[in-house]
Protein backbone atom coordinates (compact mmCIF):
# COMPACT_ATOMS: atom_id res chain seq x y z
CA MET A 1 -1.13 -9.32 25.10
CA THR A 2 -3.87 -11.64 23.92
CA LYS A 3 -3.79 -13.00 20.36
CA LEU A 4 -3.73 -10.02 18.02
CA LYS A 5 -6.03 -9.68 15.03
CA LEU A 6 -3.64 -9.05 12.15
CA ALA A 7 -4.53 -8.37 8.51
CA PHE A 8 -2.36 -7.80 5.45
CA SER A 9 -2.53 -8.32 1.71
CA THR A 10 -1.75 -11.37 -0.39
CA CYS A 11 0.75 -9.34 -2.41
CA PRO A 12 4.37 -10.61 -2.41
CA ASN A 13 5.75 -7.58 -0.58
CA ASP A 14 3.40 -8.17 2.37
CA THR A 15 3.71 -11.94 2.60
CA PHE A 16 7.49 -11.46 2.32
CA ILE A 17 7.75 -9.11 5.30
CA PHE A 18 5.15 -10.84 7.50
CA ASP A 19 6.31 -14.41 6.98
CA ALA A 20 8.80 -14.44 9.87
CA TRP A 21 6.26 -13.04 12.32
CA VAL A 22 3.28 -15.26 11.49
CA ASN A 23 5.11 -18.48 10.62
CA GLY A 24 7.30 -19.00 13.65
CA HIS A 25 10.68 -17.76 12.44
CA LEU A 26 11.04 -15.28 15.31
CA PRO A 27 11.61 -16.22 18.96
CA ASN A 28 8.87 -15.10 21.36
CA ALA A 29 6.74 -13.73 18.53
CA LEU A 30 3.51 -12.01 19.51
CA ALA A 31 0.61 -14.37 18.85
CA THR A 32 -1.61 -13.35 15.95
CA SER A 33 -4.72 -14.42 14.12
CA PRO A 34 -3.86 -13.38 10.55
CA PHE A 35 -6.25 -12.54 7.73
CA LEU A 36 -5.08 -11.96 4.14
CA GLY A 37 -7.04 -10.02 1.56
CA ASP A 38 -7.08 -7.38 -1.18
CA ILE A 39 -6.03 -3.84 -0.22
CA ASP A 40 -9.49 -2.41 -0.85
CA HIS A 41 -10.94 -5.05 1.49
CA LEU A 42 -8.31 -4.21 4.10
CA ASN A 43 -9.13 -0.50 3.92
CA ALA A 44 -12.79 -1.36 4.53
CA MET A 45 -11.86 -3.62 7.46
CA ALA A 46 -9.93 -0.78 9.08
CA LYS A 47 -12.83 1.59 8.54
CA ASN A 48 -15.16 -0.93 10.21
CA ASP A 49 -12.85 -1.54 13.21
CA GLU A 50 -12.45 -5.23 12.44
CA THR A 51 -8.84 -5.78 13.45
CA ASP A 52 -5.96 -4.64 15.69
CA ILE A 53 -3.05 -4.37 13.25
CA ILE A 54 -3.62 -3.92 9.54
CA LYS A 55 -1.90 -3.03 6.28
CA ILE A 56 -3.83 -0.13 4.74
CA SER A 57 -3.35 2.55 2.13
CA TYR A 58 -1.99 5.84 3.44
CA HIS A 59 -5.02 7.48 1.87
CA ALA A 60 -7.29 5.36 4.09
CA PHE A 61 -5.07 5.97 7.09
CA ILE A 62 -5.43 9.75 6.81
CA HIS A 63 -9.20 9.37 7.07
CA LEU A 64 -8.81 7.06 10.08
CA ALA A 65 -5.91 8.81 11.81
CA GLU A 66 -7.81 9.40 15.04
CA LYS A 67 -8.32 5.62 15.40
CA TYR A 68 -4.98 4.32 14.18
CA ILE A 69 -1.29 5.11 14.34
CA MET A 70 1.30 3.86 11.85
CA LEU A 71 4.19 1.59 12.73
CA ASP A 72 7.60 2.88 11.68
CA ALA A 73 8.30 -0.53 10.12
CA GLY A 74 6.39 -2.14 7.27
CA SER A 75 5.65 0.73 4.91
CA ALA A 76 5.47 0.53 1.13
CA LEU A 77 6.88 3.93 0.31
CA GLY A 78 9.54 5.30 -2.00
CA PHE A 79 10.45 6.76 -5.38
CA GLY A 80 9.42 5.05 -8.60
CA VAL A 81 6.82 2.86 -6.91
CA GLY A 82 3.64 4.70 -7.87
CA PRO A 83 0.53 3.60 -9.75
CA LEU A 84 0.20 3.95 -13.52
CA LEU A 85 -2.71 5.26 -15.56
CA ILE A 86 -3.03 3.00 -18.60
CA ALA A 87 -5.28 2.52 -21.66
CA LYS A 88 -5.54 0.61 -24.95
CA LYS A 89 -4.54 3.61 -27.07
CA GLU A 90 -2.93 7.00 -26.79
CA ILE A 91 -5.24 9.56 -25.22
CA SER A 92 -4.47 13.23 -24.71
CA LEU A 93 -4.00 14.10 -21.05
CA ASN A 94 -6.46 16.94 -21.62
CA ASP A 95 -9.14 14.32 -22.31
CA ILE A 96 -8.54 12.27 -19.14
CA PRO A 97 -11.37 13.97 -17.15
CA GLN A 98 -13.93 12.70 -19.69
CA LEU A 99 -12.86 9.06 -19.45
CA ARG A 100 -14.39 6.12 -17.61
CA ILE A 101 -11.54 5.11 -15.30
CA ALA A 102 -11.17 1.99 -13.16
CA ILE A 103 -9.53 2.43 -9.75
CA PRO A 104 -8.44 -0.26 -7.24
CA GLY A 105 -10.46 1.24 -4.35
CA GLU A 106 -11.83 4.62 -3.26
CA LEU A 107 -9.45 4.85 -0.31
CA THR A 108 -6.32 3.61 -2.07
CA THR A 109 -3.43 6.01 -2.50
CA ALA A 110 -3.72 5.20 -6.22
CA ALA A 111 -7.20 6.79 -6.29
CA MET A 112 -5.85 9.81 -4.44
CA LEU A 113 -2.97 10.25 -6.89
CA LEU A 114 -5.39 10.10 -9.82
CA LYS A 115 -7.42 12.87 -8.20
CA TYR A 116 -4.24 14.82 -7.48
CA ALA A 117 -3.22 14.73 -11.13
CA PHE A 118 -6.72 15.06 -12.61
CA PRO A 119 -9.14 16.68 -10.12
CA GLU A 120 -11.96 16.68 -12.68
CA ALA A 121 -11.71 12.94 -13.42
CA VAL A 122 -14.75 11.86 -11.40
CA ASN A 123 -16.18 9.07 -13.58
CA THR A 124 -14.41 6.29 -11.70
CA THR A 125 -15.36 2.67 -11.03
CA VAL A 126 -13.90 0.56 -8.24
CA MET A 127 -12.57 -2.81 -9.37
CA LEU A 128 -10.35 -5.52 -7.96
CA PHE A 129 -6.83 -4.44 -8.93
CA SER A 130 -6.21 -7.67 -10.84
CA GLU A 131 -9.30 -7.17 -13.04
CA ILE A 132 -8.54 -3.66 -14.28
CA GLU A 133 -6.44 -4.65 -17.30
CA GLU A 134 -9.17 -6.93 -18.66
CA ALA A 135 -11.78 -4.24 -18.10
CA ILE A 136 -9.76 -1.87 -20.28
CA LEU A 137 -9.26 -4.50 -22.98
CA SER A 138 -12.98 -5.33 -23.06
CA GLY A 139 -14.00 -1.69 -23.28
CA THR A 140 -15.82 -1.71 -19.95
CA VAL A 141 -13.70 1.31 -19.05
CA ASP A 142 -11.53 3.65 -21.11
CA ALA A 143 -8.55 3.62 -18.78
CA GLY A 144 -7.46 2.29 -15.42
CA VAL A 145 -5.10 2.90 -12.54
CA ILE A 146 -2.93 -0.15 -11.95
CA ILE A 147 -0.91 -1.09 -8.88
CA HIS A 148 1.15 -4.02 -7.61
CA GLU A 149 2.52 -6.52 -10.13
CA ASN A 150 0.33 -5.25 -12.98
CA ARG A 151 2.86 -2.51 -13.62
CA PHE A 152 5.20 -5.29 -14.83
CA THR A 153 2.68 -7.03 -17.10
CA TYR A 154 0.38 -4.45 -18.73
CA GLN A 155 2.59 -4.00 -21.80
CA GLN A 156 2.45 -7.73 -22.53
CA LYS A 157 -1.31 -7.30 -23.03
CA GLY A 158 -0.89 -4.48 -25.51
CA LEU A 159 -1.78 -1.72 -23.06
CA ILE A 160 0.06 1.57 -22.88
CA LYS A 161 0.95 4.05 -20.16
CA LEU A 162 -0.80 7.42 -20.26
CA LEU A 163 0.84 8.79 -17.12
CA ASP A 164 2.96 7.56 -14.24
CA LEU A 165 0.91 9.01 -11.38
CA GLY A 166 3.74 8.37 -8.94
CA SER A 167 6.22 10.33 -11.04
CA TYR A 168 3.70 13.19 -11.24
CA TRP A 169 3.54 13.27 -7.42
CA GLU A 170 7.35 13.17 -7.18
CA GLU A 171 7.76 16.03 -9.66
CA LYS A 172 5.26 18.21 -7.81
CA THR A 173 6.36 17.47 -4.26
CA THR A 174 9.97 16.14 -4.58
CA LEU A 175 8.87 13.54 -2.01
CA PRO A 176 8.56 9.74 -2.08
CA ILE A 177 5.16 8.17 -2.72
CA PRO A 178 3.38 7.00 0.45
CA LEU A 179 1.47 3.95 -0.74
CA GLY A 180 0.65 1.97 2.38
CA GLY A 181 1.77 1.04 5.86
CA ILE A 182 0.94 -0.98 8.96
CA ALA A 183 -1.68 0.70 11.12
CA VAL A 184 -2.32 -0.15 14.78
CA ARG A 185 -5.20 0.81 17.03
CA ARG A 186 -4.43 3.86 19.18
CA SER A 187 -6.09 2.07 22.11
CA PHE A 188 -2.84 0.15 22.74
CA ASN A 189 -0.60 1.71 25.37
CA LYS A 190 2.93 2.91 24.61
CA ASP A 191 4.62 -0.28 25.82
CA GLN A 192 2.34 -2.40 23.64
CA LEU A 193 2.90 -0.16 20.62
CA LEU A 194 6.65 -0.42 21.11
CA GLU A 195 6.43 -4.22 21.36
CA ILE A 196 4.34 -4.44 18.18
CA ASN A 197 6.64 -2.07 16.29
CA VAL A 198 9.73 -4.05 17.32
CA MET A 199 8.05 -7.28 16.21
CA MET A 200 7.26 -5.81 12.79
CA GLN A 201 10.79 -4.49 12.39
CA LYS A 202 12.28 -7.86 13.34
CA SER A 203 10.06 -9.58 10.80
CA VAL A 204 11.22 -7.22 8.05
CA GLU A 205 14.86 -7.62 9.10
CA PHE A 206 14.50 -11.40 8.99
CA ALA A 207 13.04 -11.22 5.49
CA PHE A 208 15.95 -9.10 4.28
CA ALA A 209 18.51 -11.42 5.89
CA ASN A 210 16.79 -14.67 4.84
CA PRO A 211 14.92 -13.95 1.59
CA LYS A 212 14.67 -17.61 0.54
CA THR A 213 12.92 -18.56 3.78
CA SER A 214 9.91 -16.39 2.93
CA MET A 215 9.50 -17.72 -0.62
CA PRO A 216 7.17 -20.69 0.12
CA TYR A 217 4.78 -18.36 1.94
CA VAL A 218 5.00 -15.74 -0.80
CA LYS A 219 4.36 -18.33 -3.52
CA ARG A 220 1.37 -19.75 -1.66
CA TYR A 221 -0.53 -16.54 -2.36
CA ALA A 222 1.11 -15.76 -5.72
CA ALA A 223 0.81 -19.17 -7.36
CA ASN A 224 -0.32 -17.71 -10.68
CA MET A 225 2.41 -15.09 -10.77
CA ASP A 226 5.59 -15.49 -12.76
CA THR A 227 8.55 -15.96 -10.41
CA GLU A 228 10.47 -13.08 -11.99
CA VAL A 229 7.48 -10.75 -11.63
CA MET A 230 7.08 -11.86 -8.02
CA GLN A 231 10.68 -10.95 -7.28
CA GLN A 232 10.36 -7.62 -9.11
CA HIS A 233 7.33 -6.88 -6.96
CA ILE A 234 9.28 -7.49 -3.75
CA ASN A 235 12.33 -5.56 -4.95
CA LEU A 236 10.18 -2.55 -5.85
CA TYR A 237 8.03 -2.26 -2.74
CA VAL A 238 10.34 -3.52 0.02
CA ASN A 239 13.17 -1.10 0.77
CA ASN A 240 14.89 0.82 3.57
CA GLU A 241 11.66 2.69 4.27
CA THR A 242 10.08 -0.69 5.01
CA LEU A 243 12.67 -1.30 7.71
CA LYS A 244 12.05 2.11 9.25
CA ILE A 245 10.39 5.14 7.74
CA ASP A 246 12.68 8.19 7.71
CA GLU A 247 11.89 11.89 8.13
CA GLN A 248 11.46 12.38 4.39
CA GLY A 249 8.93 9.55 4.34
CA LYS A 250 7.06 11.08 7.26
CA LYS A 251 7.01 14.43 5.45
CA ALA A 252 5.49 12.71 2.42
CA VAL A 253 2.70 11.32 4.61
CA ARG A 254 2.09 14.72 6.18
CA THR A 255 1.95 16.30 2.74
CA LEU A 256 -0.60 13.72 1.63
CA ALA A 257 -2.57 14.38 4.82
CA LYS A 258 -2.75 18.11 4.10
CA LEU A 259 -4.23 17.38 0.68
CA ILE A 260 -6.81 14.91 1.98
CA ARG A 261 -7.67 16.43 5.36
CA PRO A 262 -6.49 20.00 5.85
CA ASP A 263 -8.31 19.90 9.21
CA LEU A 264 -6.05 17.18 10.63
CA PRO A 265 -4.05 18.82 13.45
CA ASP A 266 -0.28 18.91 13.11
CA SER A 267 -0.08 17.90 16.76
CA LEU A 268 -1.59 14.47 16.08
CA PRO A 269 1.26 11.90 16.05
CA LEU A 270 1.05 9.72 12.95
CA PHE A 271 3.87 7.24 13.70
CA THR A 272 4.84 5.23 16.74
CA SER A 273 8.23 6.98 16.91
CA ASP A 274 6.36 10.27 17.32
CA ILE A 275 5.14 9.17 20.75
CA LEU A 276 7.71 6.62 21.96
């Protein structure tokens, strides 16, 4: 294969699992040209066909499922990992639909989970995930949906949780929360898909076995993040489902797909293991 266009986020969980692949820790690694950016930017890149392999929200993936297939390795998926709806003060859940709410991207799973819990909450504004807390504090918005490391820091700024949107999903579905995964163009043949999936799995395995090796790369993109928060981030979003998604995880993605696109045929394989 020629050099692959690869894109993933600057978040610690992604830099942690991709470090071995892109920084020469694996023998005979597939050559890549990596790009790192915010998840909302990555979702837009996938929509615009700008790359070969890309970390995207499962919400975005469902809309793009005819173009992309998900690797079995690399997912951010599990219990207790969902986004939080926060504000400066207590607000009745009945009043949520009337609020001005910041979201980290239209095609993020966080935005989907807000809609799932509050279908009538339509007054939303897209913001960079790291700017949502300040927008709430300044009164630009009444509430916001936070993801990533902000779930560990919002209380330090005097903000409070209105609802754990991930827990709401878990209670309603009894399934893990499908946040994001590694999507690959369907134009690759089966042998290429297998090779890419194996490379991703080896990179995750290396990160688990050699966690200290990835730290310089993680810190390069998380320089302003407290080390403890950085480690909490990795511990929360990198788990066994990241090594290889299981049947329960796949069911969670299918359930999300039915909510977003009831027209999506059940016969369409969503993961590489569905066709290999």
